[in-house]
Amino acid sequence: RNTVRYTFCHPAARELYDDWEARAADAVANLQTVAA
């Protein structure tokens, strides 16, 4: 259970989020800061 994995890999996520693309972009942007 990981919220980034959920966003991209669980089919329910695209229906759950009001704006999936924006939520997905936020998740990746946060992970970029961690990876740096």
All heavy atoms as atom14 arrays in JSON, in Angstrom:
{
  "sequence": "RNTVRYTFCHPAARELYDDWEARAADAVANLQTVAA",
  "atom14_mask": [
    [1, 1, 1, 1, 1, 1, 1, 1, 1, 1, 1, 0, 0, 0],
    [1, 1, 1, 1, 1, 1, 1, 1, 0, 0, 0, 0, 0, 0],
    [1, 1, 1, 1, 1, 1, 1, 0, 0, 0, 0, 0, 0, 0],
    [1, 1, 1, 1, 1, 1, 1, 0, 0, 0, 0, 0, 0, 0],
    [1, 1, 1, 1, 1, 1, 1, 1, 1, 1, 1, 0, 0, 0],
    [1, 1, 1, 1, 1, 1, 1, 1, 1, 1, 1, 1, 0, 0],
    [1, 1, 1, 1, 1, 1, 1, 0, 0, 0, 0, 0, 0, 0],
    [1, 1, 1, 1, 1, 1, 1, 1, 1, 1, 1, 0, 0, 0],
    [1, 1, 1, 1, 1, 1, 0, 0, 0, 0, 0, 0, 0, 0],
    [1, 1, 1, 1, 1, 1, 1, 1, 1, 1, 0, 0, 0, 0],
    [1, 1, 1, 1, 1, 1, 1, 0, 0, 0, 0, 0, 0, 0],
    [1, 1, 1, 1, 1, 0, 0, 0, 0, 0, 0, 0, 0, 0],
    [1, 1, 1, 1, 1, 0, 0, 0, 0, 0, 0, 0, 0, 0],
    [1, 1, 1, 1, 1, 1, 1, 1, 1, 1, 1, 0, 0, 0],
    [1, 1, 1, 1, 1, 1, 1, 1, 1, 0, 0, 0, 0, 0],
    [1, 1, 1, 1, 1, 1, 1, 1, 0, 0, 0, 0, 0, 0],
    [1, 1, 1, 1, 1, 1, 1, 1, 1, 1, 1, 1, 0, 0],
    [1, 1, 1, 1, 1, 1, 1, 1, 0, 0, 0, 0, 0, 0],
    [1, 1, 1, 1, 1, 1, 1, 1, 0, 0, 0, 0, 0, 0],
    [1, 1, 1, 1, 1, 1, 1, 1, 1, 1, 1, 1, 1, 1],
    [1, 1, 1, 1, 1, 1, 1, 1, 1, 0, 0, 0, 0, 0],
    [1, 1, 1, 1, 1, 0, 0, 0, 0, 0, 0, 0, 0, 0],
    [1, 1, 1, 1, 1, 1, 1, 1, 1, 1, 1, 0, 0, 0],
    [1, 1, 1, 1, 1, 0, 0, 0, 0, 0, 0, 0, 0, 0],
    [1, 1, 1, 1, 1, 0, 0, 0, 0, 0, 0, 0, 0, 0],
    [1, 1, 1, 1, 1, 1, 1, 1, 0, 0, 0, 0, 0, 0],
    [1, 1, 1, 1, 1, 0, 0, 0, 0, 0, 0, 0, 0, 0],
    [1, 1, 1, 1, 1, 1, 1, 0, 0, 0, 0, 0, 0, 0],
    [1, 1, 1, 1, 1, 0, 0, 0, 0, 0, 0, 0, 0, 0],
    [1, 1, 1, 1, 1, 1, 1, 1, 0, 0, 0, 0, 0, 0],
    [1, 1, 1, 1, 1, 1, 1, 1, 0, 0, 0, 0, 0, 0],
    [1, 1, 1, 1, 1, 1, 1, 1, 1, 0, 0, 0, 0, 0],
    [1, 1, 1, 1, 1, 1, 1, 0, 0, 0, 0, 0, 0, 0],
    [1, 1, 1, 1, 1, 1, 1, 0, 0, 0, 0, 0, 0, 0],
    [1, 1, 1, 1, 1, 0, 0, 0, 0, 0, 0, 0, 0, 0],
    [1, 1, 1, 1, 1, 0, 0, 0, 0, 0, 0, 0, 0, 0]
  ],
  "atom14_positions": [
    [[0.84, -1.21, 0.0], [0.0, 0.0, 0.0], [0.87, 1.25, 0.0], [1.56, 1.56, 0.97], [-0.94, -0.01, 1.21], [-1.94, -1.15, 1.15], [-2.74, -1.28, 2.44], [-3.49, -2.54, 2.45], [-4.15, -3.01, 3.5], [-4.16, -2.31, 4.64], [-4.78, -4.16, 3.42], [0.0, 0.0, 0.0], [0.0, 0.0, 0.0], [0.0, 0.0, 0.0]],
    [[0.82, 1.94, -1.09], [1.61, 3.15, -1.31], [0.74, 4.07, -2.16], [0.19, 3.65, -3.18], [2.91, 2.78, -2.04], [3.73, 3.98, -2.44], [3.37, 4.73, -3.34], [4.86, 4.17, -1.78], [0.0, 0.0, 0.0], [0.0, 0.0, 0.0], [0.0, 0.0, 0.0], [0.0, 0.0, 0.0], [0.0, 0.0, 0.0], [0.0, 0.0, 0.0]],
    [[0.62, 5.33, -1.76], [-0.34, 6.2, -2.46], [0.11, 6.58, -3.87], [-0.73, 6.85, -4.72], [-0.62, 7.47, -1.63], [0.6, 8.19, -1.41], [-1.26, 7.13, -0.29], [0.0, 0.0, 0.0], [0.0, 0.0, 0.0], [0.0, 0.0, 0.0], [0.0, 0.0, 0.0], [0.0, 0.0, 0.0], [0.0, 0.0, 0.0], [0.0, 0.0, 0.0]],
    [[1.41, 6.59, -4.13], [1.87, 6.85, -5.5], [1.57, 5.63, -6.37], [1.05, 5.74, -7.49], [3.37, 7.19, -5.54], [3.77, 7.57, -6.97], [3.71, 8.32, -4.59], [0.0, 0.0, 0.0], [0.0, 0.0, 0.0], [0.0, 0.0, 0.0], [0.0, 0.0, 0.0], [0.0, 0.0, 0.0], [0.0, 0.0, 0.0], [0.0, 0.0, 0.0]],
    [[1.89, 4.45, -5.87], [1.58, 3.21, -6.59], [0.07, 3.11, -6.83], [-0.37, 2.73, -7.92], [2.08, 2.0, -5.8], [1.79, 0.66, -6.49], [2.22, -0.54, -5.65], [3.68, -0.61, -5.54], [4.36, -0.48, -4.42], [3.71, -0.24, -3.27], [5.68, -0.57, -4.41], [0.0, 0.0, 0.0], [0.0, 0.0, 0.0], [0.0, 0.0, 0.0]],
    [[-0.72, 3.46, -5.82], [-2.18, 3.43, -5.95], [-2.62, 4.36, -7.08], [-3.46, 3.99, -7.91], [-2.82, 3.85, -4.63], [-4.34, 3.93, -4.67], [-5.12, 2.8, -4.45], [-4.97, 5.14, -4.93], [-6.5, 2.87, -4.48], [-6.35, 5.22, -4.97], [-7.11, 4.09, -4.75], [-8.49, 4.17, -4.8], [0.0, 0.0, 0.0], [0.0, 0.0, 0.0]],
    [[-2.08, 5.56, -7.12], [-2.47, 6.55, -8.12], [-2.26, 6.03, -9.54], [-3.11, 6.22, -10.41], [-1.69, 7.85, -7.91], [-1.99, 8.38, -6.62], [-2.03, 8.88, -8.97], [0.0, 0.0, 0.0], [0.0, 0.0, 0.0], [0.0, 0.0, 0.0], [0.0, 0.0, 0.0], [0.0, 0.0, 0.0], [0.0, 0.0, 0.0], [0.0, 0.0, 0.0]],
    [[-1.14, 5.36, -9.77], [-0.8, 4.95, -11.13], [-1.18, 3.5, -11.46], [-1.34, 3.18, -12.64], [0.71, 5.14, -11.36], [1.1, 6.57, -11.48], [1.57, 7.27, -10.38], [0.98, 7.24, -12.68], [1.91, 8.61, -10.48], [1.31, 8.57, -12.8], [1.78, 9.27, -11.68], [0.0, 0.0, 0.0], [0.0, 0.0, 0.0], [0.0, 0.0, 0.0]],
    [[-1.34, 2.66, -10.46], [-1.5, 1.23, -10.73], [-2.84, 0.64, -10.31], [-3.16, -0.49, -10.72], [-0.37, 0.44, -10.06], [1.28, 0.9, -10.62], [0.0, 0.0, 0.0], [0.0, 0.0, 0.0], [0.0, 0.0, 0.0], [0.0, 0.0, 0.0], [0.0, 0.0, 0.0], [0.0, 0.0, 0.0], [0.0, 0.0, 0.0], [0.0, 0.0, 0.0]],
    [[-3.62, 1.35, -9.51], [-4.93, 0.81, -9.12], [-6.01, 1.43, -10.0], [-6.11, 2.65, -10.09], [-5.23, 1.09, -7.65], [-6.26, 0.18, -7.08], [-7.57, 0.16, -7.51], [-6.17, -0.79, -6.12], [-8.24, -0.75, -6.84], [-7.42, -1.35, -5.99], [0.0, 0.0, 0.0], [0.0, 0.0, 0.0], [0.0, 0.0, 0.0], [0.0, 0.0, 0.0]],
    [[-6.82, 0.63, -10.67], [-7.82, 1.18, -11.59], [-8.84, 2.1, -10.93], [-9.39, 2.99, -11.58], [-8.5, -0.08, -12.17], [-8.17, -1.19, -11.21], [-6.83, -0.85, -10.64], [0.0, 0.0, 0.0], [0.0, 0.0, 0.0], [0.0, 0.0, 0.0], [0.0, 0.0, 0.0], [0.0, 0.0, 0.0], [0.0, 0.0, 0.0], [0.0, 0.0, 0.0]],
    [[-9.07, 1.92, -9.62], [-10.06, 2.75, -8.93], [-9.61, 4.2, -8.81], [-10.44, 5.11, -8.67], [-10.35, 2.18, -7.55], [0.0, 0.0, 0.0], [0.0, 0.0, 0.0], [0.0, 0.0, 0.0], [0.0, 0.0, 0.0], [0.0, 0.0, 0.0], [0.0, 0.0, 0.0], [0.0, 0.0, 0.0], [0.0, 0.0, 0.0], [0.0, 0.0, 0.0]],
    [[-8.31, 4.45, -8.86], [-7.79, 5.8, -8.61], [-8.28, 6.8, -9.64], [-8.57, 7.96, -9.31], [-6.26, 5.77, -8.6], [0.0, 0.0, 0.0], [0.0, 0.0, 0.0], [0.0, 0.0, 0.0], [0.0, 0.0, 0.0], [0.0, 0.0, 0.0], [0.0, 0.0, 0.0], [0.0, 0.0, 0.0], [0.0, 0.0, 0.0], [0.0, 0.0, 0.0]],
    [[-8.39, 6.4, -10.89], [-8.79, 7.35, -11.95], [-10.23, 7.8, -11.79], [-10.59, 8.87, -12.29], [-8.54, 6.72, -13.32], [-7.05, 6.54, -13.6], [-6.79, 5.88, -14.95], [-5.38, 5.61, -15.12], [-4.52, 6.4, -15.76], [-4.95, 7.52, -16.32], [-3.25, 6.07, -15.86], [0.0, 0.0, 0.0], [0.0, 0.0, 0.0], [0.0, 0.0, 0.0]],
    [[-11.05, 6.99, -11.14], [-12.42, 7.39, -10.87], [-12.53, 8.14, -9.54], [-13.41, 8.98, -9.37], [-13.33, 6.15, -10.84], [-13.36, 5.38, -12.14], [-13.9, 6.2, -13.3], [-14.8, 7.04, -13.08], [-13.41, 6.01, -14.44], [0.0, 0.0, 0.0], [0.0, 0.0, 0.0], [0.0, 0.0, 0.0], [0.0, 0.0, 0.0], [0.0, 0.0, 0.0]],
    [[-11.65, 7.81, -8.61], [-11.72, 8.42, -7.28], [-11.32, 9.88, -7.29], [-12.0, 10.72, -6.69], [-10.82, 7.64, -6.31], [-10.78, 8.15, -4.87], [-12.14, 7.98, -4.18], [-9.69, 7.42, -4.07], [0.0, 0.0, 0.0], [0.0, 0.0, 0.0], [0.0, 0.0, 0.0], [0.0, 0.0, 0.0], [0.0, 0.0, 0.0], [0.0, 0.0, 0.0]],
    [[-10.22, 10.21, -7.96], [-9.73, 11.58, -7.95], [-10.54, 12.45, -8.9], [-10.78, 12.08, -10.05], [-8.26, 11.63, -8.35], [-7.33, 10.93, -7.39], [-6.42, 9.98, -7.84], [-7.36, 11.22, -6.03], [-5.55, 9.34, -6.96], [-6.5, 10.59, -5.15], [-5.6, 9.64, -5.61], [-4.76, 9.01, -4.74], [0.0, 0.0, 0.0], [0.0, 0.0, 0.0]],
    [[-10.94, 13.62, -8.43], [-11.71, 14.55, -9.25], [-10.91, 14.98, -10.48], [-11.46, 15.13, -11.57], [-12.1, 15.78, -8.43], [-12.98, 16.74, -9.2], [-14.1, 16.36, -9.54], [-12.51, 17.86, -9.48], [0.0, 0.0, 0.0], [0.0, 0.0, 0.0], [0.0, 0.0, 0.0], [0.0, 0.0, 0.0], [0.0, 0.0, 0.0], [0.0, 0.0, 0.0]],
    [[-9.61, 15.18, -10.32], [-8.72, 15.53, -11.43], [-7.5, 14.62, -11.33], [-6.5, 14.95, -10.69], [-8.31, 17.0, -11.33], [-7.49, 17.48, -12.53], [-6.95, 16.63, -13.27], [-7.38, 18.71, -12.72], [0.0, 0.0, 0.0], [0.0, 0.0, 0.0], [0.0, 0.0, 0.0], [0.0, 0.0, 0.0], [0.0, 0.0, 0.0], [0.0, 0.0, 0.0]],
    [[-7.59, 13.45, -11.97], [-6.54, 12.45, -11.84], [-5.2, 12.98, -12.32], [-4.16, 12.76, -11.66], [-6.89, 11.17, -12.6], [-5.84, 10.13, -12.44], [-5.74, 9.19, -11.45], [-4.68, 9.93, -13.28], [-4.61, 8.43, -11.61], [-3.94, 8.86, -12.73], [-4.22, 10.55, -14.44], [-2.74, 8.41, -13.3], [-3.02, 10.11, -15.01], [-2.3, 9.04, -14.45]],
    [[-5.16, 13.66, -13.45], [-3.9, 14.14, -14.01], [-3.18, 15.08, -13.04], [-1.96, 14.98, -12.84], [-4.14, 14.86, -15.33], [-2.88, 15.34, -16.04], [-2.06, 14.24, -16.7], [-2.6, 13.14, -16.91], [-0.87, 14.49, -16.98], [0.0, 0.0, 0.0], [0.0, 0.0, 0.0], [0.0, 0.0, 0.0], [0.0, 0.0, 0.0], [0.0, 0.0, 0.0]],
    [[-3.93, 15.97, -12.4], [-3.33, 16.9, -11.44], [-2.81, 16.16, -10.21], [-1.71, 16.44, -9.72], [-4.34, 17.96, -11.03], [0.0, 0.0, 0.0], [0.0, 0.0, 0.0], [0.0, 0.0, 0.0], [0.0, 0.0, 0.0], [0.0, 0.0, 0.0], [0.0, 0.0, 0.0], [0.0, 0.0, 0.0], [0.0, 0.0, 0.0], [0.0, 0.0, 0.0]],
    [[-3.58, 15.21, -9.7], [-3.15, 14.44, -8.53], [-1.92, 13.6, -8.86], [-1.0, 13.45, -8.06], [-4.28, 13.53, -8.04], [-5.51, 14.27, -7.54], [-5.35, 14.86, -6.14], [-4.49, 16.03, -6.09], [-4.9, 17.26, -6.42], [-6.13, 17.45, -6.82], [-4.07, 18.29, -6.32], [0.0, 0.0, 0.0], [0.0, 0.0, 0.0], [0.0, 0.0, 0.0]],
    [[-1.9, 13.02, -10.06], [-0.76, 12.2, -10.48], [0.49, 13.06, -10.61], [1.58, 12.67, -10.18], [-1.07, 11.51, -11.8], [0.0, 0.0, 0.0], [0.0, 0.0, 0.0], [0.0, 0.0, 0.0], [0.0, 0.0, 0.0], [0.0, 0.0, 0.0], [0.0, 0.0, 0.0], [0.0, 0.0, 0.0], [0.0, 0.0, 0.0], [0.0, 0.0, 0.0]],
    [[0.34, 14.24, -11.19], [1.48, 15.15, -11.35], [2.02, 15.59, -10.0], [3.25, 15.67, -9.8], [1.07, 16.37, -12.18], [0.0, 0.0, 0.0], [0.0, 0.0, 0.0], [0.0, 0.0, 0.0], [0.0, 0.0, 0.0], [0.0, 0.0, 0.0], [0.0, 0.0, 0.0], [0.0, 0.0, 0.0], [0.0, 0.0, 0.0], [0.0, 0.0, 0.0]],
    [[1.14, 15.84, -9.03], [1.57, 16.22, -7.69], [2.36, 15.08, -7.03], [3.37, 15.32, -6.37], [0.37, 16.56, -6.81], [-0.28, 17.88, -7.18], [0.32, 18.65, -7.94], [-1.41, 18.12, -6.71], [0.0, 0.0, 0.0], [0.0, 0.0, 0.0], [0.0, 0.0, 0.0], [0.0, 0.0, 0.0], [0.0, 0.0, 0.0], [0.0, 0.0, 0.0]],
    [[1.89, 13.86, -7.2], [2.56, 12.7, -6.6], [3.97, 12.54, -7.15], [4.93, 12.27, -6.41], [1.74, 11.44, -6.84], [0.0, 0.0, 0.0], [0.0, 0.0, 0.0], [0.0, 0.0, 0.0], [0.0, 0.0, 0.0], [0.0, 0.0, 0.0], [0.0, 0.0, 0.0], [0.0, 0.0, 0.0], [0.0, 0.0, 0.0], [0.0, 0.0, 0.0]],
    [[4.11, 12.7, -8.46], [5.42, 12.57, -9.08], [6.34, 13.71, -8.67], [7.53, 13.51, -8.39], [5.29, 12.51, -10.62], [6.66, 12.51, -11.28], [4.52, 11.26, -11.04], [0.0, 0.0, 0.0], [0.0, 0.0, 0.0], [0.0, 0.0, 0.0], [0.0, 0.0, 0.0], [0.0, 0.0, 0.0], [0.0, 0.0, 0.0], [0.0, 0.0, 0.0]],
    [[5.8, 14.92, -8.6], [6.61, 16.08, -8.22], [7.15, 15.93, -6.8], [8.3, 16.29, -6.51], [5.78, 17.36, -8.33], [0.0, 0.0, 0.0], [0.0, 0.0, 0.0], [0.0, 0.0, 0.0], [0.0, 0.0, 0.0], [0.0, 0.0, 0.0], [0.0, 0.0, 0.0], [0.0, 0.0, 0.0], [0.0, 0.0, 0.0], [0.0, 0.0, 0.0]],
    [[6.35, 15.37, -5.9], [6.83, 15.14, -4.54], [7.92, 14.08, -4.52], [8.93, 14.22, -3.82], [5.67, 14.71, -3.64], [6.12, 14.45, -2.21], [6.46, 15.36, -1.47], [6.13, 13.18, -1.83], [0.0, 0.0, 0.0], [0.0, 0.0, 0.0], [0.0, 0.0, 0.0], [0.0, 0.0, 0.0], [0.0, 0.0, 0.0], [0.0, 0.0, 0.0]],
    [[7.73, 13.03, -5.31], [8.73, 11.96, -5.35], [10.04, 12.47, -5.96], [11.13, 12.01, -5.57], [8.2, 10.78, -6.15], [8.99, 9.47, -6.07], [9.19, 9.02, -4.63], [8.29, 8.38, -6.88], [0.0, 0.0, 0.0], [0.0, 0.0, 0.0], [0.0, 0.0, 0.0], [0.0, 0.0, 0.0], [0.0, 0.0, 0.0], [0.0, 0.0, 0.0]],
    [[9.97, 13.43, -6.87], [11.18, 14.04, -7.42], [11.99, 14.72, -6.33], [13.23, 14.63, -6.31], [10.83, 15.05, -8.52], [10.46, 14.46, -9.86], [11.66, 14.1, -10.71], [12.8, 14.13, -10.25], [11.41, 13.75, -11.97], [0.0, 0.0, 0.0], [0.0, 0.0, 0.0], [0.0, 0.0, 0.0], [0.0, 0.0, 0.0], [0.0, 0.0, 0.0]],
    [[11.32, 15.41, -5.41], [12.05, 16.1, -4.34], [12.73, 15.09, -3.41], [13.83, 15.33, -2.92], [11.11, 17.0, -3.51], [10.14, 16.2, -2.83], [10.38, 17.99, -4.4], [0.0, 0.0, 0.0], [0.0, 0.0, 0.0], [0.0, 0.0, 0.0], [0.0, 0.0, 0.0], [0.0, 0.0, 0.0], [0.0, 0.0, 0.0], [0.0, 0.0, 0.0]],
    [[12.06, 13.96, -3.18], [12.64, 12.91, -2.34], [13.85, 12.28, -3.03], [14.9, 12.06, -2.41], [11.59, 11.83, -2.01], [12.21, 10.68, -1.24], [10.43, 12.42, -1.22], [0.0, 0.0, 0.0], [0.0, 0.0, 0.0], [0.0, 0.0, 0.0], [0.0, 0.0, 0.0], [0.0, 0.0, 0.0], [0.0, 0.0, 0.0], [0.0, 0.0, 0.0]],
    [[13.71, 12.01, -4.31], [14.8, 11.39, -5.07], [16.02, 12.3, -5.16], [17.16, 11.81, -5.21], [14.32, 11.03, -6.47], [0.0, 0.0, 0.0], [0.0, 0.0, 0.0], [0.0, 0.0, 0.0], [0.0, 0.0, 0.0], [0.0, 0.0, 0.0], [0.0, 0.0, 0.0], [0.0, 0.0, 0.0], [0.0, 0.0, 0.0], [0.0, 0.0, 0.0]],
    [[15.81, 13.6, -5.17], [16.94, 14.53, -5.22], [17.81, 14.42, -3.98], [19.04, 14.45, -4.06], [16.44, 15.96, -5.39], [0.0, 0.0, 0.0], [0.0, 0.0, 0.0], [0.0, 0.0, 0.0], [0.0, 0.0, 0.0], [0.0, 0.0, 0.0], [0.0, 0.0, 0.0], [0.0, 0.0, 0.0], [0.0, 0.0, 0.0], [0.0, 0.0, 0.0]]
  ]
}
